[in-house]
Amino acid sequence: MTRVMVVDDQQMFRMGLRAILQAQEDVEVVGEAVNGAEAVVEALRLRPDVILMDVRMPELDGIEATRRITAAPTEHPVRVVMLTTFDIDDYVFDALRAGASGFLLKDASADELVQAVRTVADGDALLAPRVTRHLVEAFVAGPPPAAPRTEVLEVLTERERDVFLLVARGRTNGEIATELFIAEQTVKTHVGRILAKLQLRDRVHAVVLAYETGLVAPAP
Protein backbone atom coordinates (compact mmCIF):
# COMPACT_ATOMS: atom_id res chain seq x y z
CA MET A 1 0.00 0.00 0.00
CA THR A 2 1.41 3.39 -1.02
CA ARG A 3 0.68 6.10 1.54
CA VAL A 4 0.11 9.52 -0.04
CA MET A 5 -0.30 13.05 1.30
CA VAL A 6 -1.88 15.83 -0.77
CA VAL A 7 -0.73 19.45 -0.37
CA ASP A 8 -2.57 22.28 -2.11
CA ASP A 9 -4.22 25.51 -0.99
CA GLN A 10 -7.32 24.85 -3.11
CA GLN A 11 -9.81 22.60 -1.33
CA MET A 12 -11.60 21.47 -4.48
CA PHE A 13 -8.35 20.38 -6.07
CA ARG A 14 -7.34 18.44 -2.96
CA MET A 15 -10.72 16.72 -2.94
CA GLY A 16 -10.33 15.77 -6.58
CA LEU A 17 -6.90 14.24 -6.02
CA ARG A 18 -8.13 12.37 -2.96
CA ALA A 19 -11.07 10.92 -4.87
CA ILE A 20 -8.86 9.69 -7.72
CA LEU A 21 -6.25 8.16 -5.43
CA GLN A 22 -8.63 6.53 -2.97
CA ALA A 23 -10.28 4.71 -5.87
CA GLN A 24 -7.05 2.71 -6.25
CA GLU A 25 -6.65 -0.51 -4.28
CA ASP A 26 -2.94 0.04 -3.71
CA VAL A 27 -3.06 3.72 -2.64
CA GLU A 28 -4.10 5.25 0.69
CA VAL A 29 -4.43 9.01 1.24
CA VAL A 30 -3.17 9.49 4.79
CA GLY A 31 -3.37 13.27 5.07
CA GLU A 32 -3.70 16.72 3.55
CA ALA A 33 -2.14 20.14 4.05
CA VAL A 34 -3.18 23.59 2.84
CA ASN A 35 0.25 25.26 2.73
CA GLY A 36 3.93 24.47 2.89
CA ALA A 37 4.32 25.10 6.61
CA GLU A 38 1.54 22.67 7.45
CA ALA A 39 2.95 20.20 4.92
CA VAL A 40 6.29 20.05 6.75
CA VAL A 41 4.62 19.37 10.09
CA GLU A 42 2.26 16.74 8.69
CA ALA A 43 4.95 15.04 6.59
CA LEU A 44 7.20 14.58 9.60
CA ARG A 45 4.27 13.27 11.63
CA LEU A 46 2.70 10.96 9.04
CA ARG A 47 5.81 9.92 7.07
CA PRO A 48 3.91 9.22 3.82
CA ASP A 49 5.62 7.43 0.95
CA VAL A 50 4.71 10.13 -1.59
CA ILE A 51 3.64 13.76 -1.29
CA LEU A 52 1.82 15.56 -4.09
CA MET A 53 2.98 19.13 -3.49
CA ASP A 54 1.67 22.34 -5.05
CA VAL A 55 4.42 24.81 -5.98
CA ARG A 56 2.80 28.13 -5.16
CA MET A 57 1.15 28.36 -1.75
CA PRO A 58 0.81 30.93 1.05
CA GLU A 59 3.00 31.00 4.19
CA LEU A 60 5.61 28.61 2.75
CA ASP A 61 5.92 27.62 -0.90
CA GLY A 62 6.19 24.04 -2.07
CA ILE A 63 9.89 24.25 -2.90
CA GLU A 64 10.99 25.31 0.57
CA ALA A 65 8.61 22.80 2.11
CA THR A 66 10.13 20.08 -0.07
CA ARG A 67 13.64 21.14 0.95
CA ARG A 68 12.79 20.85 4.65
CA ILE A 69 10.97 17.55 4.27
CA THR A 70 13.64 15.80 2.20
CA ALA A 71 16.44 17.14 4.43
CA ALA A 72 14.91 15.71 7.60
CA PRO A 73 16.90 12.70 8.84
CA THR A 74 14.81 9.56 8.58
CA GLU A 75 15.07 5.89 7.71
CA HIS A 76 11.92 6.21 5.63
CA PRO A 77 12.44 8.51 2.64
CA VAL A 78 9.55 10.72 1.62
CA ARG A 79 9.33 11.34 -2.13
CA VAL A 80 7.79 14.55 -3.43
CA VAL A 81 6.06 15.14 -6.75
CA MET A 82 5.60 18.85 -7.48
CA LEU A 83 2.28 19.91 -9.03
CA THR A 84 2.09 23.00 -11.22
CA THR A 85 -0.30 24.61 -13.68
CA PHE A 86 2.59 25.96 -15.74
CA ASP A 87 4.65 23.91 -18.16
CA ILE A 88 7.22 26.74 -18.33
CA ASP A 89 8.03 27.21 -14.69
CA ASP A 90 11.02 29.02 -13.25
CA TYR A 91 10.74 26.76 -10.22
CA VAL A 92 11.47 23.45 -11.91
CA PHE A 93 15.21 23.35 -11.40
CA ASP A 94 14.98 24.82 -7.89
CA ALA A 95 12.47 22.13 -6.97
CA LEU A 96 14.72 19.34 -8.20
CA ARG A 97 17.63 20.79 -6.25
CA ALA A 98 15.37 20.91 -3.20
CA GLY A 99 14.90 17.15 -3.46
CA ALA A 100 11.72 16.72 -5.48
CA SER A 101 11.48 13.44 -7.36
CA GLY A 102 9.58 14.88 -10.27
CA PHE A 103 7.05 17.28 -11.72
CA LEU A 104 3.51 16.73 -12.87
CA LEU A 105 1.23 19.25 -14.53
CA LYS A 106 -2.13 19.85 -12.89
CA ASP A 107 -3.90 19.11 -16.16
CA ALA A 108 -2.55 15.55 -16.14
CA SER A 109 -5.14 12.79 -16.52
CA ALA A 110 -6.25 10.60 -13.63
CA ASP A 111 -4.26 7.69 -15.07
CA GLU A 112 -1.13 9.85 -15.33
CA LEU A 113 -1.56 10.96 -11.72
CA VAL A 114 -1.89 7.43 -10.41
CA GLN A 115 1.04 6.22 -12.50
CA ALA A 116 3.15 9.11 -11.20
CA VAL A 117 2.47 8.08 -7.61
CA ARG A 118 3.35 4.47 -8.33
CA THR A 119 6.48 5.40 -10.26
CA VAL A 120 7.86 7.62 -7.53
CA ALA A 121 6.88 5.18 -4.78
CA ASP A 122 8.95 2.52 -6.57
CA GLY A 123 12.01 4.75 -6.23
CA ASP A 124 12.08 6.06 -9.77
CA ALA A 125 11.53 9.66 -10.83
CA LEU A 126 9.43 11.45 -13.38
CA LEU A 127 9.05 14.67 -15.26
CA ALA A 128 6.13 15.60 -17.45
CA PRO A 129 7.37 15.59 -21.08
CA ARG A 130 6.87 19.35 -21.51
CA VAL A 131 8.70 20.03 -18.27
CA THR A 132 11.59 17.80 -19.36
CA ARG A 133 11.88 19.74 -22.60
CA HIS A 134 12.04 23.08 -20.82
CA LEU A 135 14.54 21.75 -18.31
CA VAL A 136 16.90 20.73 -21.11
CA GLU A 137 16.33 24.07 -22.84
CA ALA A 138 17.36 25.80 -19.62
CA PHE A 139 20.65 23.91 -19.66
CA VAL A 140 21.21 24.87 -23.29
CA ALA A 141 20.43 28.55 -22.66
CA GLY A 142 22.60 28.77 -19.58
CA PRO A 143 26.36 29.36 -19.44
CA PRO A 144 28.53 26.38 -20.34
CA PRO A 145 29.61 24.35 -17.32
CA ALA A 146 33.13 24.49 -15.99
CA ALA A 147 35.61 21.76 -16.82
CA PRO A 148 34.07 18.36 -16.10
CA ARG A 149 34.49 17.25 -12.49
CA THR A 150 35.42 13.69 -13.35
CA GLU A 151 36.47 13.01 -9.76
CA VAL A 152 32.78 12.73 -8.95
CA LEU A 153 32.74 9.41 -10.81
CA GLU A 154 35.83 7.91 -9.20
CA VAL A 155 33.65 5.92 -6.80
CA LEU A 156 32.03 4.12 -9.74
CA THR A 157 33.29 1.05 -11.55
CA GLU A 158 33.86 1.33 -15.28
CA ARG A 159 30.55 -0.42 -16.01
CA GLU A 160 28.68 1.76 -13.52
CA ARG A 161 30.13 4.85 -15.19
CA ASP A 162 28.89 3.64 -18.58
CA VAL A 163 25.41 3.12 -17.12
CA PHE A 164 25.47 6.49 -15.34
CA LEU A 165 26.25 8.40 -18.52
CA LEU A 166 23.43 6.65 -20.38
CA VAL A 167 21.00 7.40 -17.52
CA ALA A 168 22.10 11.04 -17.73
CA ARG A 169 21.26 11.04 -21.43
CA GLY A 170 17.72 9.93 -20.64
CA ARG A 171 17.96 6.28 -21.64
CA THR A 172 15.52 3.80 -20.09
CA ASN A 173 16.74 0.60 -18.43
CA GLY A 174 15.70 -1.37 -21.50
CA GLU A 175 17.59 0.93 -23.85
CA ILE A 176 20.68 0.79 -21.66
CA ALA A 177 20.52 -3.01 -21.56
CA THR A 178 20.35 -3.16 -25.35
CA GLU A 179 23.18 -0.69 -25.84
CA LEU A 180 25.52 -2.38 -23.34
CA PHE A 181 24.46 -5.97 -24.16
CA ILE A 182 23.47 -6.79 -20.59
CA ALA A 183 20.25 -7.91 -18.88
CA GLU A 184 17.72 -5.26 -17.90
CA GLN A 185 17.76 -6.53 -14.29
CA THR A 186 21.52 -6.01 -14.28
CA VAL A 187 20.99 -2.42 -15.38
CA LYS A 188 18.52 -1.91 -12.55
CA THR A 189 21.08 -3.25 -10.07
CA HIS A 190 23.76 -0.93 -11.46
CA VAL A 191 21.44 2.08 -11.25
CA GLY A 192 20.67 1.32 -7.61
CA ARG A 193 24.36 1.11 -6.75
CA ILE A 194 25.14 4.30 -8.68
CA LEU A 195 22.48 6.29 -6.84
CA ALA A 196 23.73 4.96 -3.52
CA LYS A 197 27.41 5.70 -4.24
CA LEU A 198 26.72 9.21 -5.55
CA GLN A 199 24.14 9.85 -2.81
CA LEU A 200 21.46 10.71 -5.33
CA ARG A 201 17.74 10.45 -4.64
CA ASP A 202 16.74 9.13 -8.07
CA ARG A 203 17.40 9.21 -11.82
CA VAL A 204 16.29 12.82 -12.25
CA HIS A 205 18.95 13.94 -9.82
CA ALA A 206 21.51 11.84 -11.70
CA VAL A 207 20.67 13.87 -14.81
CA VAL A 208 20.96 17.13 -12.88
CA LEU A 209 24.36 16.12 -11.47
CA ALA A 210 25.63 15.11 -14.91
CA TYR A 211 24.74 18.48 -16.45
CA GLU A 212 25.86 20.55 -13.47
CA THR A 213 29.30 18.97 -13.42
CA GLY A 214 29.75 19.09 -17.18
CA LEU A 215 29.89 15.33 -17.51
CA VAL A 216 27.12 15.52 -20.12
CA ALA A 217 26.52 18.46 -22.43
CA PRO A 218 23.21 19.32 -24.11
CA ALA A 219 23.05 18.50 -27.78
CA PRO A 220 23.63 21.60 -29.94
C-alpha atoms as a PDB file:
ATOM      1  CA  MET A   1       0.000   0.000   0.000  1.00  0.00           C
ATOM      2  CA  THR A   2       1.412   3.392  -1.022  1.00  0.00           C
ATOM      3  CA  ARG A   3       0.684   6.103   1.542  1.00  0.00           C
ATOM      4  CA  VAL A   4       0.113   9.523  -0.044  1.00  0.00           C
ATOM      5  CA  MET A   5      -0.299  13.048   1.301  1.00  0.00           C
ATOM      6  CA  VAL A   6      -1.879  15.831  -0.769  1.00  0.00           C
ATOM      7  CA  VAL A   7      -0.728  19.450  -0.372  1.00  0.00           C
ATOM      8  CA  ASP A   8      -2.572  22.283  -2.115  1.00  0.00           C
ATOM      9  CA  ASP A   9      -4.220  25.505  -0.992  1.00  0.00           C
ATOM     10  CA  GLN A  10      -7.322  24.846  -3.114  1.00  0.00           C
ATOM     11  CA  GLN A  11      -9.814  22.604  -1.330  1.00  0.00           C
ATOM     12  CA  MET A  12     -11.605  21.467  -4.479  1.00  0.00           C
ATOM     13  CA  PHE A  13      -8.346  20.377  -6.074  1.00  0.00           C
ATOM     14  CA  ARG A  14      -7.342  18.436  -2.959  1.00  0.00           C
ATOM     15  CA  MET A  15     -10.721  16.723  -2.940  1.00  0.00           C
ATOM     16  CA  GLY A  16     -10.330  15.769  -6.583  1.00  0.00           C
ATOM     17  CA  LEU A  17      -6.902  14.243  -6.021  1.00  0.00           C
ATOM     18  CA  ARG A  18      -8.134  12.375  -2.960  1.00  0.00           C
ATOM     19  CA  ALA A  19     -11.075  10.915  -4.872  1.00  0.00           C
ATOM     20  CA  ILE A  20      -8.861   9.685  -7.722  1.00  0.00           C
ATOM     21  CA  LEU A  21      -6.255   8.161  -5.426  1.00  0.00           C
ATOM     22  CA  GLN A  22      -8.634   6.533  -2.971  1.00  0.00           C
ATOM     23  CA  ALA A  23     -10.282   4.706  -5.868  1.00  0.00           C
ATOM     24  CA  GLN A  24      -7.047   2.708  -6.250  1.00  0.00           C
ATOM     25  CA  GLU A  25      -6.654  -0.512  -4.279  1.00  0.00           C
ATOM     26  CA  ASP A  26      -2.936   0.043  -3.714  1.00  0.00           C
ATOM     27  CA  VAL A  27      -3.064   3.718  -2.635  1.00  0.00           C
ATOM     28  CA  GLU A  28      -4.095   5.248   0.693  1.00  0.00           C
ATOM     29  CA  VAL A  29      -4.430   9.012   1.235  1.00  0.00           C
ATOM     30  CA  VAL A  30      -3.169   9.491   4.787  1.00  0.00           C
ATOM     31  CA  GLY A  31      -3.367  13.265   5.073  1.00  0.00           C
ATOM     32  CA  GLU A  32      -3.696  16.716   3.549  1.00  0.00           C
ATOM     33  CA  ALA A  33      -2.142  20.139   4.051  1.00  0.00           C
ATOM     34  CA  VAL A  34      -3.184  23.595   2.840  1.00  0.00           C
ATOM     35  CA  ASN A  35       0.250  25.256   2.734  1.00  0.00           C
ATOM     36  CA  GLY A  36       3.935  24.469   2.892  1.00  0.00           C
ATOM     37  CA  ALA A  37       4.319  25.096   6.606  1.00  0.00           C
ATOM     38  CA  GLU A  38       1.539  22.672   7.446  1.00  0.00           C
ATOM     39  CA  ALA A  39       2.949  20.198   4.916  1.00  0.00           C
ATOM     40  CA  VAL A  40       6.287  20.055   6.752  1.00  0.00           C
ATOM     41  CA  VAL A  41       4.617  19.370  10.091  1.00  0.00           C
ATOM     42  CA  GLU A  42       2.263  16.736   8.687  1.00  0.00           C
ATOM     43  CA  ALA A  43       4.954  15.044   6.588  1.00  0.00           C
ATOM     44  CA  LEU A  44       7.199  14.579   9.603  1.00  0.00           C
ATOM     45  CA  ARG A  45       4.265  13.275  11.633  1.00  0.00           C
ATOM     46  CA  LEU A  46       2.699  10.962   9.040  1.00  0.00           C
ATOM     47  CA  ARG A  47       5.809   9.915   7.066  1.00  0.00           C
ATOM     48  CA  PRO A  48       3.909   9.223   3.816  1.00  0.00           C
ATOM     49  CA  ASP A  49       5.622   7.434   0.945  1.00  0.00           C
ATOM     50  CA  VAL A  50       4.710  10.132  -1.591  1.00  0.00           C
ATOM     51  CA  ILE A  51       3.644  13.758  -1.287  1.00  0.00           C
ATOM     52  CA  LEU A  52       1.817  15.555  -4.089  1.00  0.00           C
ATOM     53  CA  MET A  53       2.977  19.133  -3.487  1.00  0.00           C
ATOM     54  CA  ASP A  54       1.673  22.345  -5.047  1.00  0.00           C
ATOM     55  CA  VAL A  55       4.423  24.808  -5.977  1.00  0.00           C
ATOM     56  CA  ARG A  56       2.795  28.130  -5.164  1.00  0.00           C
ATOM     57  CA  MET A  57       1.147  28.364  -1.747  1.00  0.00           C
ATOM     58  CA  PRO A  58       0.814  30.934   1.050  1.00  0.00           C
ATOM     59  CA  GLU A  59       3.004  31.000   4.186  1.00  0.00           C
ATOM     60  CA  LEU A  60       5.606  28.614   2.750  1.00  0.00           C
ATOM     61  CA  ASP A  61       5.921  27.617  -0.898  1.00  0.00           C
ATOM     62  CA  GLY A  62       6.189  24.036  -2.072  1.00  0.00           C
ATOM     63  CA  ILE A  63       9.885  24.253  -2.900  1.00  0.00           C
ATOM     64  CA  GLU A  64      10.988  25.312   0.572  1.00  0.00           C
ATOM     65  CA  ALA A  65       8.608  22.799   2.111  1.00  0.00           C
ATOM     66  CA  THR A  66      10.134  20.083  -0.067  1.00  0.00           C
ATOM     67  CA  ARG A  67      13.639  21.136   0.945  1.00  0.00           C
ATOM     68  CA  ARG A  68      12.787  20.851   4.652  1.00  0.00           C
ATOM     69  CA  ILE A  69      10.975  17.551   4.265  1.00  0.00           C
ATOM     70  CA  THR A  70      13.643  15.798   2.202  1.00  0.00           C
ATOM     71  CA  ALA A  71      16.438  17.139   4.430  1.00  0.00           C
ATOM     72  CA  ALA A  72      14.911  15.707   7.600  1.00  0.00           C
ATOM     73  CA  PRO A  73      16.898  12.699   8.842  1.00  0.00           C
ATOM     74  CA  THR A  74      14.805   9.559   8.583  1.00  0.00           C
ATOM     75  CA  GLU A  75      15.069   5.889   7.713  1.00  0.00           C
ATOM     76  CA  HIS A  76      11.917   6.205   5.630  1.00  0.00           C
ATOM     77  CA  PRO A  77      12.444   8.508   2.636  1.00  0.00           C
ATOM     78  CA  VAL A  78       9.549  10.721   1.616  1.00  0.00           C
ATOM     79  CA  ARG A  79       9.334  11.344  -2.126  1.00  0.00           C
ATOM     80  CA  VAL A  80       7.788  14.553  -3.427  1.00  0.00           C
ATOM     81  CA  VAL A  81       6.061  15.143  -6.754  1.00  0.00           C
ATOM     82  CA  MET A  82       5.595  18.852  -7.483  1.00  0.00           C
ATOM     83  CA  LEU A  83       2.279  19.914  -9.029  1.00  0.00           C
ATOM     84  CA  THR A  84       2.088  23.000 -11.224  1.00  0.00           C
ATOM     85  CA  THR A  85      -0.304  24.611 -13.681  1.00  0.00           C
ATOM     86  CA  PHE A  86       2.592  25.965 -15.741  1.00  0.00           C
ATOM     87  CA  ASP A  87       4.651  23.910 -18.161  1.00  0.00           C
ATOM     88  CA  ILE A  88       7.218  26.736 -18.330  1.00  0.00           C
ATOM     89  CA  ASP A  89       8.029  27.205 -14.692  1.00  0.00           C
ATOM     90  CA  ASP A  90      11.021  29.020 -13.249  1.00  0.00           C
ATOM     91  CA  TYR A  91      10.740  26.761 -10.217  1.00  0.00           C
ATOM     92  CA  VAL A  92      11.467  23.449 -11.914  1.00  0.00           C
ATOM     93  CA  PHE A  93      15.211  23.352 -11.401  1.00  0.00           C
ATOM     94  CA  ASP A  94      14.983  24.815  -7.889  1.00  0.00           C
ATOM     95  CA  ALA A  95      12.468  22.127  -6.973  1.00  0.00           C
ATOM     96  CA  LEU A  96      14.723  19.344  -8.204  1.00  0.00           C
ATOM     97  CA  ARG A  97      17.627  20.792  -6.252  1.00  0.00           C
ATOM     98  CA  ALA A  98      15.369  20.911  -3.200  1.00  0.00           C
ATOM     99  CA  GLY A  99      14.902  17.149  -3.457  1.00  0.00           C
ATOM    100  CA  ALA A 100      11.718  16.720  -5.479  1.00  0.00           C
ATOM    101  CA  SER A 101      11.477  13.439  -7.358  1.00  0.00           C
ATOM    102  CA  GLY A 102       9.575  14.880 -10.275  1.00  0.00           C
ATOM    103  CA  PHE A 103       7.054  17.283 -11.721  1.00  0.00           C
ATOM    104  CA  LEU A 104       3.507  16.726 -12.873  1.00  0.00           C
ATOM    105  CA  LEU A 105       1.233  19.248 -14.533  1.00  0.00           C
ATOM    106  CA  LYS A 106      -2.126  19.853 -12.886  1.00  0.00           C
ATOM    107  CA  ASP A 107      -3.901  19.110 -16.162  1.00  0.00           C
ATOM    108  CA  ALA A 108      -2.555  15.547 -16.141  1.00  0.00           C
ATOM    109  CA  SER A 109      -5.137  12.787 -16.524  1.00  0.00           C
ATOM    110  CA  ALA A 110      -6.248  10.597 -13.632  1.00  0.00           C
ATOM    111  CA  ASP A 111      -4.263   7.691 -15.074  1.00  0.00           C
ATOM    112  CA  GLU A 112      -1.131   9.847 -15.332  1.00  0.00           C
ATOM    113  CA  LEU A 113      -1.559  10.965 -11.725  1.00  0.00           C
ATOM    114  CA  VAL A 114      -1.886   7.426 -10.412  1.00  0.00           C
ATOM    115  CA  GLN A 115       1.040   6.217 -12.499  1.00  0.00           C
ATOM    116  CA  ALA A 116       3.147   9.111 -11.200  1.00  0.00           C
ATOM    117  CA  VAL A 117       2.473   8.084  -7.605  1.00  0.00           C
ATOM    118  CA  ARG A 118       3.352   4.471  -8.332  1.00  0.00           C
ATOM    119  CA  THR A 119       6.485   5.399 -10.263  1.00  0.00           C
ATOM    120  CA  VAL A 120       7.865   7.622  -7.526  1.00  0.00           C
ATOM    121  CA  ALA A 121       6.883   5.178  -4.777  1.00  0.00           C
ATOM    122  CA  ASP A 122       8.948   2.519  -6.569  1.00  0.00           C
ATOM    123  CA  GLY A 123      12.013   4.748  -6.229  1.00  0.00           C
ATOM    124  CA  ASP A 124      12.082   6.058  -9.773  1.00  0.00           C
ATOM    125  CA  ALA A 125      11.528   9.663 -10.835  1.00  0.00           C
ATOM    126  CA  LEU A 126       9.431  11.445 -13.382  1.00  0.00           C
ATOM    127  CA  LEU A 127       9.045  14.671 -15.264  1.00  0.00           C
ATOM    128  CA  ALA A 128       6.131  15.596 -17.452  1.00  0.00           C
ATOM    129  CA  PRO A 129       7.365  15.593 -21.079  1.00  0.00           C
ATOM    130  CA  ARG A 130       6.865  19.345 -21.514  1.00  0.00           C
ATOM    131  CA  VAL A 131       8.703  20.031 -18.266  1.00  0.00           C
ATOM    132  CA  THR A 132      11.586  17.797 -19.357  1.00  0.00           C
ATOM    133  CA  ARG A 133      11.880  19.737 -22.605  1.00  0.00           C
ATOM    134  CA  HIS A 134      12.038  23.076 -20.820  1.00  0.00           C
ATOM    135  CA  LEU A 135      14.544  21.752 -18.307  1.00  0.00           C
ATOM    136  CA  VAL A 136      16.897  20.725 -21.111  1.00  0.00           C
ATOM    137  CA  GLU A 137      16.329  24.067 -22.838  1.00  0.00           C
ATOM    138  CA  ALA A 138      17.358  25.802 -19.615  1.00  0.00           C
ATOM    139  CA  PHE A 139      20.649  23.913 -19.662  1.00  0.00           C
ATOM    140  CA  VAL A 140      21.214  24.874 -23.295  1.00  0.00           C
ATOM    141  CA  ALA A 141      20.428  28.553 -22.662  1.00  0.00           C
ATOM    142  CA  GLY A 142      22.599  28.772 -19.575  1.00  0.00           C
ATOM    143  CA  PRO A 143      26.363  29.364 -19.443  1.00  0.00           C
ATOM    144  CA  PRO A 144      28.528  26.381 -20.344  1.00  0.00           C
ATOM    145  CA  PRO A 145      29.610  24.351 -17.316  1.00  0.00           C
ATOM    146  CA  ALA A 146      33.133  24.494 -15.989  1.00  0.00           C
ATOM    147  CA  ALA A 147      35.610  21.759 -16.822  1.00  0.00           C
ATOM    148  CA  PRO A 148      34.068  18.359 -16.098  1.00  0.00           C
ATOM    149  CA  ARG A 149      34.491  17.252 -12.490  1.00  0.00           C
ATOM    150  CA  THR A 150      35.418  13.692 -13.353  1.00  0.00           C
ATOM    151  CA  GLU A 151      36.466  13.011  -9.758  1.00  0.00           C
ATOM    152  CA  VAL A 152      32.777  12.730  -8.952  1.00  0.00           C
ATOM    153  CA  LEU A 153      32.737   9.411 -10.805  1.00  0.00           C
ATOM    154  CA  GLU A 154      35.826   7.912  -9.198  1.00  0.00           C
ATOM    155  CA  VAL A 155      33.653   5.916  -6.797  1.00  0.00           C
ATOM    156  CA  LEU A 156      32.027   4.120  -9.739  1.00  0.00           C
ATOM    157  CA  THR A 157      33.288   1.053 -11.547  1.00  0.00           C
ATOM    158  CA  GLU A 158      33.862   1.326 -15.282  1.00  0.00           C
ATOM    159  CA  ARG A 159      30.554  -0.417 -16.013  1.00  0.00           C
ATOM    160  CA  GLU A 160      28.679   1.765 -13.516  1.00  0.00           C
ATOM    161  CA  ARG A 161      30.130   4.847 -15.194  1.00  0.00           C
ATOM    162  CA  ASP A 162      28.889   3.640 -18.576  1.00  0.00           C
ATOM    163  CA  VAL A 163      25.414   3.123 -17.122  1.00  0.00           C
ATOM    164  CA  PHE A 164      25.470   6.491 -15.343  1.00  0.00           C
ATOM    165  CA  LEU A 165      26.251   8.399 -18.520  1.00  0.00           C
ATOM    166  CA  LEU A 166      23.428   6.651 -20.379  1.00  0.00           C
ATOM    167  CA  VAL A 167      21.004   7.397 -17.524  1.00  0.00           C
ATOM    168  CA  ALA A 168      22.097  11.042 -17.729  1.00  0.00           C
ATOM    169  CA  ARG A 169      21.258  11.041 -21.431  1.00  0.00           C
ATOM    170  CA  GLY A 170      17.720   9.930 -20.642  1.00  0.00           C
ATOM    171  CA  ARG A 171      17.959   6.277 -21.643  1.00  0.00           C
ATOM    172  CA  THR A 172      15.522   3.795 -20.089  1.00  0.00           C
ATOM    173  CA  ASN A 173      16.742   0.602 -18.429  1.00  0.00           C
ATOM    174  CA  GLY A 174      15.703  -1.372 -21.495  1.00  0.00           C
ATOM    175  CA  GLU A 175      17.586   0.930 -23.847  1.00  0.00           C
ATOM    176  CA  ILE A 176      20.683   0.789 -21.657  1.00  0.00           C
ATOM    177  CA  ALA A 177      20.516  -3.008 -21.563  1.00  0.00           C
ATOM    178  CA  THR A 178      20.345  -3.164 -25.350  1.00  0.00           C
ATOM    179  CA  GLU A 179      23.184  -0.690 -25.840  1.00  0.00           C
ATOM    180  CA  LEU A 180      25.517  -2.376 -23.336  1.00  0.00           C
ATOM    181  CA  PHE A 181      24.465  -5.974 -24.163  1.00  0.00           C
ATOM    182  CA  ILE A 182      23.474  -6.786 -20.589  1.00  0.00           C
ATOM    183  CA  ALA A 183      20.249  -7.906 -18.884  1.00  0.00           C
ATOM    184  CA  GLU A 184      17.715  -5.259 -17.898  1.00  0.00           C
ATOM    185  CA  GLN A 185      17.758  -6.532 -14.295  1.00  0.00           C
ATOM    186  CA  THR A 186      21.523  -6.007 -14.278  1.00  0.00           C
ATOM    187  CA  VAL A 187      20.991  -2.423 -15.381  1.00  0.00           C
ATOM    188  CA  LYS A 188      18.520  -1.913 -12.547  1.00  0.00           C
ATOM    189  CA  THR A 189      21.079  -3.252 -10.073  1.00  0.00           C
ATOM    190  CA  HIS A 190      23.762  -0.931 -11.462  1.00  0.00           C
ATOM    191  CA  VAL A 191      21.444   2.079 -11.248  1.00  0.00           C
ATOM    192  CA  GLY A 192      20.670   1.322  -7.612  1.00  0.00           C
ATOM    193  CA  ARG A 193      24.364   1.114  -6.752  1.00  0.00           C
ATOM    194  CA  ILE A 194      25.136   4.302  -8.677  1.00  0.00           C
ATOM    195  CA  LEU A 195      22.481   6.287  -6.843  1.00  0.00           C
ATOM    196  CA  ALA A 196      23.732   4.963  -3.517  1.00  0.00           C
ATOM    197  CA  LYS A 197      27.411   5.702  -4.242  1.00  0.00           C
ATOM    198  CA  LEU A 198      26.721   9.209  -5.548  1.00  0.00           C
ATOM    199  CA  GLN A 199      24.137   9.850  -2.806  1.00  0.00           C
ATOM    200  CA  LEU A 200      21.456  10.714  -5.333  1.00  0.00           C
ATOM    201  CA  ARG A 201      17.738  10.453  -4.639  1.00  0.00           C
ATOM    202  CA  ASP A 202      16.740   9.126  -8.068  1.00  0.00           C
ATOM    203  CA  ARG A 203      17.397   9.211 -11.825  1.00  0.00           C
ATOM    204  CA  VAL A 204      16.287  12.820 -12.250  1.00  0.00           C
ATOM    205  CA  HIS A 205      18.952  13.938  -9.818  1.00  0.00           C
ATOM    206  CA  ALA A 206      21.513  11.844 -11.695  1.00  0.00           C
ATOM    207  CA  VAL A 207      20.669  13.869 -14.807  1.00  0.00           C
ATOM    208  CA  VAL A 208      20.962  17.132 -12.877  1.00  0.00           C
ATOM    209  CA  LEU A 209      24.365  16.117 -11.474  1.00  0.00           C
ATOM    210  CA  ALA A 210      25.634  15.106 -14.908  1.00  0.00           C
ATOM    211  CA  TYR A 211      24.741  18.478 -16.446  1.00  0.00           C
ATOM    212  CA  GLU A 212      25.860  20.550 -13.467  1.00  0.00           C
ATOM    213  CA  THR A 213      29.302  18.968 -13.423  1.00  0.00           C
ATOM    214  CA  GLY A 214      29.754  19.095 -17.184  1.00  0.00           C
ATOM    215  CA  LEU A 215      29.886  15.326 -17.514  1.00  0.00           C
ATOM    216  CA  VAL A 216      27.118  15.518 -20.123  1.00  0.00           C
ATOM    217  CA  ALA A 217      26.522  18.458 -22.435  1.00  0.00           C
ATOM    218  CA  PRO A 218      23.214  19.318 -24.114  1.00  0.00           C
ATOM    219  CA  ALA A 219      23.048  18.497 -27.783  1.00  0.00           C
ATOM    220  CA  PRO A 220      23.630  21.601 -29.936  1.00  0.00           C
END
